[in-house]
Amino acid sequence: MERLVSGIKPTGGLTLGSYIGAIKQFVELHKSYESYIFVADMHAITTPQEKKELRNNIRDMVAIYLACGLEPDNATIYIQSENPYHAQLSWILECNTYLGELNRMTQFKDKNRKEGSKNLSCGLYTYPVLMASDIILYDADVVPVGEDQKQHVELTRNIVERFNNKYGSTFKMPRPIIPEAGARIKDLQNPKMKMSKSDSDSRGCILLLDEENVIRKKIMSAVTDSDNKIIFDEENKPGISNLMMIYASLKDIKLDEVERKFVNSNYGEFKKAVADAVINTLKPIQEKYKEIINSSLIDEILNKGIEKVIPLAKDKCLEVQEKIGLGR
């Protein structure tokens, strides 16, 4: 069975975009792959985090993983920072990564353009290498990612090829899995931008734990255009196209099916259908989350997960150190 590895940063409430672009994939794929799903807390600290809030977010994320349908019998769930070999391998990989490669990473360039280099941490610049370490530490065959993360897998593949050519076959070459629909859900108020919990306008972002009335209000007030035609056209109709992407992803249908289904509907009717689809998806997740969040199940699963992954990671790191000459 092929191996799958992926994780999400615990930096606040998870969004509908996170669910459609990542967690939904995890749930669909984790029975078909040997799956390793982690909480990427080391990635979270590339920007300042408050200790108590970060700890709560880590626990929340595990509860949401489980509430969304990840089954501990089919997926190994663990916290990234509890395995020191992620950081150890990351440093070795940094020494085998070129500055030019990191300079081309679009997320850092976007942050630099918005905030200026004096406000950015070195970790924000080098975290794509840590991401590569997260993946190849476990010899991942596949990595489910959103469209905006594809570049990180490409960097990982470059690092793997370079290291294997220099030191001999060491790492597997991972490949990305990107969903056909919903790879990048956009902001409801600014549909040219990715849906993000860090955006200043909270109306554009649906959180997985938002109440029903809040979800409905956000969707009904989503920005669209004036022609009232439900047609997928991301360039000329980004708002309605984003809502169509959400609906298609949650209903597991094609975008052209959405067009046919709502050919005689107006935007108000379609928004109501989208809101219903989101609420019907999130309600059972929220109910399960409430059952799990204060239970002992979270610690039991995390203890089991870290016990499994540390020996695997240690063996890989020892192999790497031997090949490059570190240690005695």
Protein backbone atom coordinates (compact mmCIF):
# COMPACT_ATOMS: atom_id res chain seq x y z
CA MET A 1 0.00 0.00 0.00
CA GLU A 2 1.32 3.45 -0.89
CA ARG A 3 1.99 5.96 1.87
CA LEU A 4 0.29 9.36 2.25
CA VAL A 5 1.60 12.22 4.39
CA SER A 6 0.07 15.64 5.00
CA GLY A 7 -0.74 18.16 7.72
CA ILE A 8 -2.35 21.53 8.49
CA LYS A 9 -1.16 24.47 10.61
CA PRO A 10 -3.07 25.06 13.88
CA THR A 11 -3.33 28.83 13.53
CA GLY A 12 -6.91 29.49 14.57
CA GLY A 13 -10.27 28.15 13.50
CA LEU A 14 -10.18 25.92 10.45
CA THR A 15 -12.04 27.27 7.45
CA LEU A 16 -14.38 25.74 4.90
CA GLY A 17 -11.49 26.15 2.47
CA SER A 18 -9.28 24.01 4.71
CA TYR A 19 -11.99 21.35 4.85
CA ILE A 20 -12.61 21.23 1.08
CA GLY A 21 -8.99 21.65 0.04
CA ALA A 22 -7.38 19.34 2.59
CA ILE A 23 -9.36 17.52 5.29
CA LYS A 24 -12.04 16.22 2.92
CA GLN A 25 -9.24 14.72 0.82
CA PHE A 26 -7.65 13.14 3.88
CA VAL A 27 -10.93 11.45 4.77
CA GLU A 28 -11.54 10.23 1.21
CA LEU A 29 -7.99 8.91 0.77
CA HIS A 30 -7.00 7.57 4.18
CA LYS A 31 -8.56 4.15 3.64
CA SER A 32 -6.73 3.67 0.35
CA TYR A 33 -3.27 4.71 1.60
CA GLU A 34 -1.13 4.11 4.65
CA SER A 35 -1.86 7.58 6.00
CA TYR A 36 0.17 9.84 8.27
CA ILE A 37 -1.73 13.03 9.15
CA PHE A 38 -0.08 15.52 11.47
CA VAL A 39 -0.70 18.85 13.17
CA ALA A 40 1.90 21.23 11.70
CA ASP A 41 2.53 23.23 14.86
CA MET A 42 6.16 24.01 13.96
CA HIS A 43 4.91 25.71 10.80
CA ALA A 44 2.51 27.77 12.93
CA ILE A 45 5.32 29.58 14.76
CA THR A 46 6.75 31.18 11.61
CA THR A 47 4.53 34.04 12.82
CA PRO A 48 4.07 34.92 16.53
CA GLN A 49 1.61 32.72 18.45
CA GLU A 50 0.24 33.04 21.97
CA LYS A 51 1.14 29.90 23.95
CA LYS A 52 -2.28 29.03 25.39
CA GLU A 53 -4.07 29.75 22.13
CA LEU A 54 -1.63 27.61 20.14
CA ARG A 55 -2.08 24.68 22.54
CA ASN A 56 -5.86 25.00 22.26
CA ASN A 57 -5.65 25.19 18.46
CA ILE A 58 -3.54 22.02 18.33
CA ARG A 59 -6.11 20.12 20.35
CA ASP A 60 -8.96 21.60 18.32
CA MET A 61 -7.35 20.43 15.11
CA VAL A 62 -7.07 16.83 16.28
CA ALA A 63 -10.72 16.91 17.37
CA ILE A 64 -11.75 18.28 13.99
CA TYR A 65 -9.68 15.67 12.14
CA LEU A 66 -11.60 13.00 14.01
CA ALA A 67 -14.98 14.74 13.73
CA CYS A 68 -14.55 15.04 9.96
CA GLY A 69 -14.11 11.30 9.65
CA LEU A 70 -10.44 10.39 10.03
CA GLU A 71 -10.37 6.97 11.64
CA PRO A 72 -7.45 6.19 13.97
CA ASP A 73 -7.40 2.59 12.72
CA ASN A 74 -6.69 3.87 9.20
CA ALA A 75 -4.64 7.00 9.89
CA THR A 76 -1.69 7.74 12.15
CA ILE A 77 -2.33 11.16 13.73
CA TYR A 78 0.47 13.01 15.52
CA ILE A 79 1.88 16.43 16.43
CA GLN A 80 4.83 17.52 14.31
CA SER A 81 6.88 19.09 17.12
CA GLU A 82 6.71 15.95 19.27
CA ASN A 83 8.97 14.25 16.72
CA PRO A 84 12.40 15.99 16.82
CA TYR A 85 13.50 14.32 13.59
CA HIS A 86 11.38 16.70 11.49
CA ALA A 87 13.66 19.59 12.50
CA GLN A 88 16.83 17.50 12.34
CA LEU A 89 16.20 16.41 8.76
CA SER A 90 15.06 19.91 7.83
CA TRP A 91 18.48 21.38 8.68
CA ILE A 92 20.23 18.79 6.54
CA LEU A 93 17.87 19.53 3.66
CA GLU A 94 18.41 23.29 4.05
CA CYS A 95 22.08 22.62 3.42
CA ASN A 96 21.05 20.91 0.17
CA THR A 97 18.60 23.60 -1.00
CA TYR A 98 19.53 26.64 -3.07
CA LEU A 99 18.68 30.25 -2.18
CA GLY A 100 17.29 30.74 -5.66
CA GLU A 101 14.72 28.02 -5.04
CA LEU A 102 13.48 29.65 -1.84
CA ASN A 103 13.49 33.10 -3.46
CA ARG A 104 11.00 31.79 -6.02
CA MET A 105 8.47 30.57 -3.45
CA THR A 106 5.37 32.65 -4.09
CA GLN A 107 3.98 32.68 -0.55
CA PHE A 108 7.11 34.28 0.88
CA LYS A 109 7.21 36.80 -1.96
CA ASP A 110 3.57 37.72 -1.31
CA LYS A 111 4.19 38.17 2.42
CA ASN A 112 7.33 40.20 1.76
CA ARG A 113 5.44 42.46 -0.62
CA LYS A 114 2.65 43.04 1.92
CA GLU A 115 4.62 43.37 5.14
CA GLY A 116 8.25 44.08 4.23
CA SER A 117 11.26 41.88 5.02
CA LYS A 118 11.97 43.50 8.41
CA ASN A 119 8.76 42.02 9.82
CA LEU A 120 9.25 38.48 8.50
CA SER A 121 11.00 35.65 10.32
CA CYS A 122 13.71 33.47 8.82
CA GLY A 123 11.36 30.56 9.48
CA LEU A 124 8.83 32.01 7.06
CA TYR A 125 11.55 31.97 4.40
CA THR A 126 12.84 28.45 5.06
CA TYR A 127 9.63 26.64 6.08
CA PRO A 128 9.20 25.07 2.59
CA VAL A 129 12.28 22.99 3.45
CA LEU A 130 10.69 21.88 6.71
CA MET A 131 7.65 20.94 4.66
CA ALA A 132 9.90 18.83 2.44
CA SER A 133 11.28 17.18 5.57
CA ASP A 134 7.73 16.44 6.80
CA ILE A 135 7.05 14.59 3.56
CA ILE A 136 10.21 12.65 2.78
CA LEU A 137 10.98 11.73 6.39
CA TYR A 138 8.34 9.01 6.03
CA ASP A 139 9.00 8.07 2.39
CA ALA A 140 5.65 9.46 1.29
CA ASP A 141 4.37 8.34 -2.09
CA VAL A 142 1.60 10.95 -2.27
CA VAL A 143 0.84 14.33 -0.71
CA PRO A 144 -2.73 15.70 -0.89
CA VAL A 145 -2.46 19.49 -1.29
CA GLY A 146 -4.42 22.47 -2.51
CA GLU A 147 -3.43 24.17 -5.77
CA ASP A 148 -1.54 26.87 -3.85
CA GLN A 149 0.69 24.24 -2.18
CA LYS A 150 1.72 22.49 -5.39
CA GLN A 151 4.90 24.58 -5.59
CA HIS A 152 6.03 23.18 -2.24
CA VAL A 153 5.77 19.61 -3.49
CA GLU A 154 7.73 20.61 -6.60
CA LEU A 155 10.50 21.99 -4.36
CA THR A 156 10.42 18.74 -2.36
CA ARG A 157 10.85 16.76 -5.56
CA ASN A 158 13.83 18.93 -6.56
CA ILE A 159 15.45 18.33 -3.17
CA VAL A 160 14.85 14.57 -3.41
CA GLU A 161 16.35 14.37 -6.89
CA ARG A 162 19.42 16.40 -5.87
CA PHE A 163 20.03 14.43 -2.67
CA ASN A 164 19.57 11.03 -4.31
CA ASN A 165 21.88 11.96 -7.18
CA LYS A 166 24.58 13.12 -4.76
CA TYR A 167 24.35 10.49 -2.01
CA GLY A 168 22.58 7.54 -3.62
CA SER A 169 18.98 6.39 -3.42
CA THR A 170 17.68 7.65 -0.07
CA PHE A 171 14.25 9.28 -0.43
CA LYS A 172 11.13 8.36 -2.36
CA MET A 173 9.92 10.82 -5.00
CA PRO A 174 6.52 12.10 -3.75
CA ARG A 175 3.75 13.24 -6.06
CA PRO A 176 0.93 15.68 -5.26
CA ILE A 177 -2.76 14.83 -5.27
CA ILE A 178 -4.86 17.90 -6.09
CA PRO A 179 -8.67 17.73 -6.11
CA GLU A 180 -10.42 18.59 -9.37
CA ALA A 181 -12.87 20.94 -7.65
CA GLY A 182 -12.30 23.00 -4.54
CA ALA A 183 -8.53 23.02 -4.68
CA ARG A 184 -8.58 26.67 -3.70
CA ILE A 185 -11.76 28.06 -2.17
CA LYS A 186 -11.80 31.87 -2.32
CA ASP A 187 -12.88 34.59 0.08
CA LEU A 188 -16.62 35.31 -0.07
CA GLN A 189 -16.08 39.08 0.00
CA ASN A 190 -12.94 39.16 -2.14
CA PRO A 191 -13.16 36.17 -4.52
CA LYS A 192 -9.79 36.94 -6.06
CA MET A 193 -8.13 35.95 -2.79
CA LYS A 194 -7.89 32.61 -0.99
CA MET A 195 -10.33 32.10 1.89
CA SER A 196 -8.26 32.77 4.98
CA LYS A 197 -8.98 33.12 8.69
CA SER A 198 -6.28 35.80 8.87
CA ASP A 199 -8.17 38.16 6.55
CA SER A 200 -9.36 41.35 8.22
CA ASP A 201 -12.94 40.95 6.92
CA SER A 202 -14.37 37.93 8.75
CA ARG A 203 -17.50 37.96 6.55
CA GLY A 204 -15.51 36.38 3.74
CA CYS A 205 -14.40 33.33 5.72
CA ILE A 206 -16.57 30.44 6.92
CA LEU A 207 -15.13 28.62 9.93
CA LEU A 208 -15.95 24.95 10.46
CA LEU A 209 -17.38 25.75 13.89
CA ASP A 210 -19.46 28.76 12.78
CA GLU A 211 -23.10 28.65 13.87
CA GLU A 212 -25.81 28.00 11.28
CA ASN A 213 -27.14 31.56 11.21
CA VAL A 214 -23.62 32.94 10.78
CA ILE A 215 -22.90 30.60 7.87
CA ARG A 216 -26.14 31.48 6.12
CA LYS A 217 -25.57 35.21 6.56
CA LYS A 218 -22.02 35.02 5.18
CA ILE A 219 -23.08 33.09 2.08
CA MET A 220 -26.16 35.17 1.37
CA SER A 221 -23.99 38.31 1.50
CA ALA A 222 -21.24 36.83 -0.69
CA VAL A 223 -20.04 39.13 -3.47
CA THR A 224 -21.32 38.18 -6.95
CA ASP A 225 -22.02 40.09 -10.19
CA SER A 226 -25.13 41.62 -11.72
CA ASP A 227 -26.08 39.33 -14.63
CA ASN A 228 -27.76 36.68 -12.41
CA LYS A 229 -26.49 33.76 -14.52
CA ILE A 230 -24.99 30.74 -12.76
CA ILE A 231 -22.07 30.06 -15.08
CA PHE A 232 -18.53 29.05 -14.10
CA ASP A 233 -16.15 31.79 -15.26
CA GLU A 234 -13.43 32.51 -12.70
CA GLU A 235 -12.07 35.54 -14.54
CA ASN A 236 -15.29 37.40 -15.27
CA LYS A 237 -17.54 35.92 -12.55
CA PRO A 238 -15.20 35.07 -9.64
CA GLY A 239 -17.84 35.37 -6.91
CA ILE A 240 -20.46 33.05 -8.37
CA SER A 241 -17.70 30.70 -9.62
CA ASN A 242 -16.41 30.40 -6.05
CA LEU A 243 -19.88 29.53 -4.75
CA MET A 244 -20.23 26.96 -7.53
CA MET A 245 -16.87 25.46 -6.52
CA ILE A 246 -18.06 25.17 -2.92
CA TYR A 247 -21.34 23.54 -3.93
CA ALA A 248 -19.70 21.13 -6.40
CA SER A 249 -17.09 20.09 -3.84
CA LEU A 250 -19.57 19.42 -1.05
CA LYS A 251 -22.00 17.61 -3.34
CA ASP A 252 -19.22 15.69 -5.15
CA ILE A 253 -20.46 16.73 -8.59
CA LYS A 254 -18.89 18.42 -11.61
CA LEU A 255 -19.14 22.15 -12.22
CA ASP A 256 -21.11 21.64 -15.44
CA GLU A 257 -23.65 19.66 -13.41
CA VAL A 258 -24.06 22.67 -11.14
CA GLU A 259 -24.69 24.87 -14.18
CA ARG A 260 -27.36 22.51 -15.48
CA LYS A 261 -29.00 22.08 -12.07
CA PHE A 262 -29.39 25.83 -11.53
CA VAL A 263 -29.89 27.00 -15.12
CA ASN A 264 -33.28 28.49 -14.23
CA SER A 265 -32.35 29.77 -10.75
CA ASN A 266 -31.39 33.27 -9.67
CA TYR A 267 -28.47 34.14 -7.40
CA GLY A 268 -30.62 34.29 -4.26
CA GLU A 269 -31.95 30.78 -4.85
CA PHE A 270 -28.49 29.46 -5.60
CA LYS A 271 -26.95 31.07 -2.52
CA LYS A 272 -29.64 29.45 -0.38
CA ALA A 273 -28.76 26.05 -1.89
CA VAL A 274 -25.06 26.65 -1.21
CA ALA A 275 -25.80 27.66 2.39
CA ASP A 276 -27.90 24.53 2.88
CA ALA A 277 -25.09 22.36 1.49
CA VAL A 278 -22.51 23.94 3.81
CA ILE A 279 -24.74 23.72 6.89
CA ASN A 280 -25.73 20.10 6.18
CA THR A 281 -22.04 19.21 5.81
CA LEU A 282 -20.80 21.02 8.90
CA LYS A 283 -23.61 20.22 11.36
CA PRO A 284 -22.63 16.56 11.98
CA ILE A 285 -18.96 17.58 12.14
CA GLN A 286 -19.75 20.16 14.81
CA GLU A 287 -21.79 17.64 16.82
CA LYS A 288 -18.96 15.09 16.78
CA TYR A 289 -16.41 17.79 17.63
CA LYS A 290 -18.35 18.66 20.80
CA GLU A 291 -18.28 14.99 21.86
CA ILE A 292 -14.54 14.65 21.24
CA ILE A 293 -12.92 17.92 22.32
CA ASN A 294 -12.96 17.30 26.08
CA SER A 295 -12.55 13.51 25.95
CA SER A 296 -9.46 11.41 26.61
CA LEU A 297 -9.61 10.13 23.03
CA ILE A 298 -7.39 12.94 21.72
CA ASP A 299 -4.44 12.13 23.98
CA GLU A 300 -4.84 8.40 23.43
CA ILE A 301 -4.64 8.85 19.66
CA LEU A 302 -1.72 11.30 19.82
CA ASN A 303 0.26 9.04 22.15
CA LYS A 304 -0.27 6.09 19.84
CA GLY A 305 0.65 8.18 16.80
CA ILE A 306 3.93 9.58 18.10
CA GLU A 307 5.02 6.15 19.33
CA LYS A 308 4.62 4.88 15.79
CA VAL A 309 6.27 7.70 13.85
CA ILE A 310 9.41 8.35 15.92
CA PRO A 311 11.08 4.99 15.15
CA LEU A 312 10.37 5.45 11.42
CA ALA A 313 11.77 8.98 11.45
CA LYS A 314 14.81 8.00 13.49
CA ASP A 315 15.75 5.23 11.06
CA LYS A 316 15.50 7.62 8.11
CA CYS A 317 17.57 10.30 9.85
CA LEU A 318 20.28 7.82 10.81
CA GLU A 319 20.44 6.65 7.19
CA VAL A 320 20.81 10.26 5.99
CA GLN A 321 23.47 11.10 8.58
CA GLU A 322 25.46 8.03 7.63
CA LYS A 323 25.37 8.93 3.94
CA ILE A 324 26.57 12.51 4.42
CA GLY A 325 29.13 11.73 7.14
CA LEU A 326 27.60 13.25 10.28
CA GLY A 327 28.44 11.75 13.68
CA ARG A 328 31.16 9.21 14.47
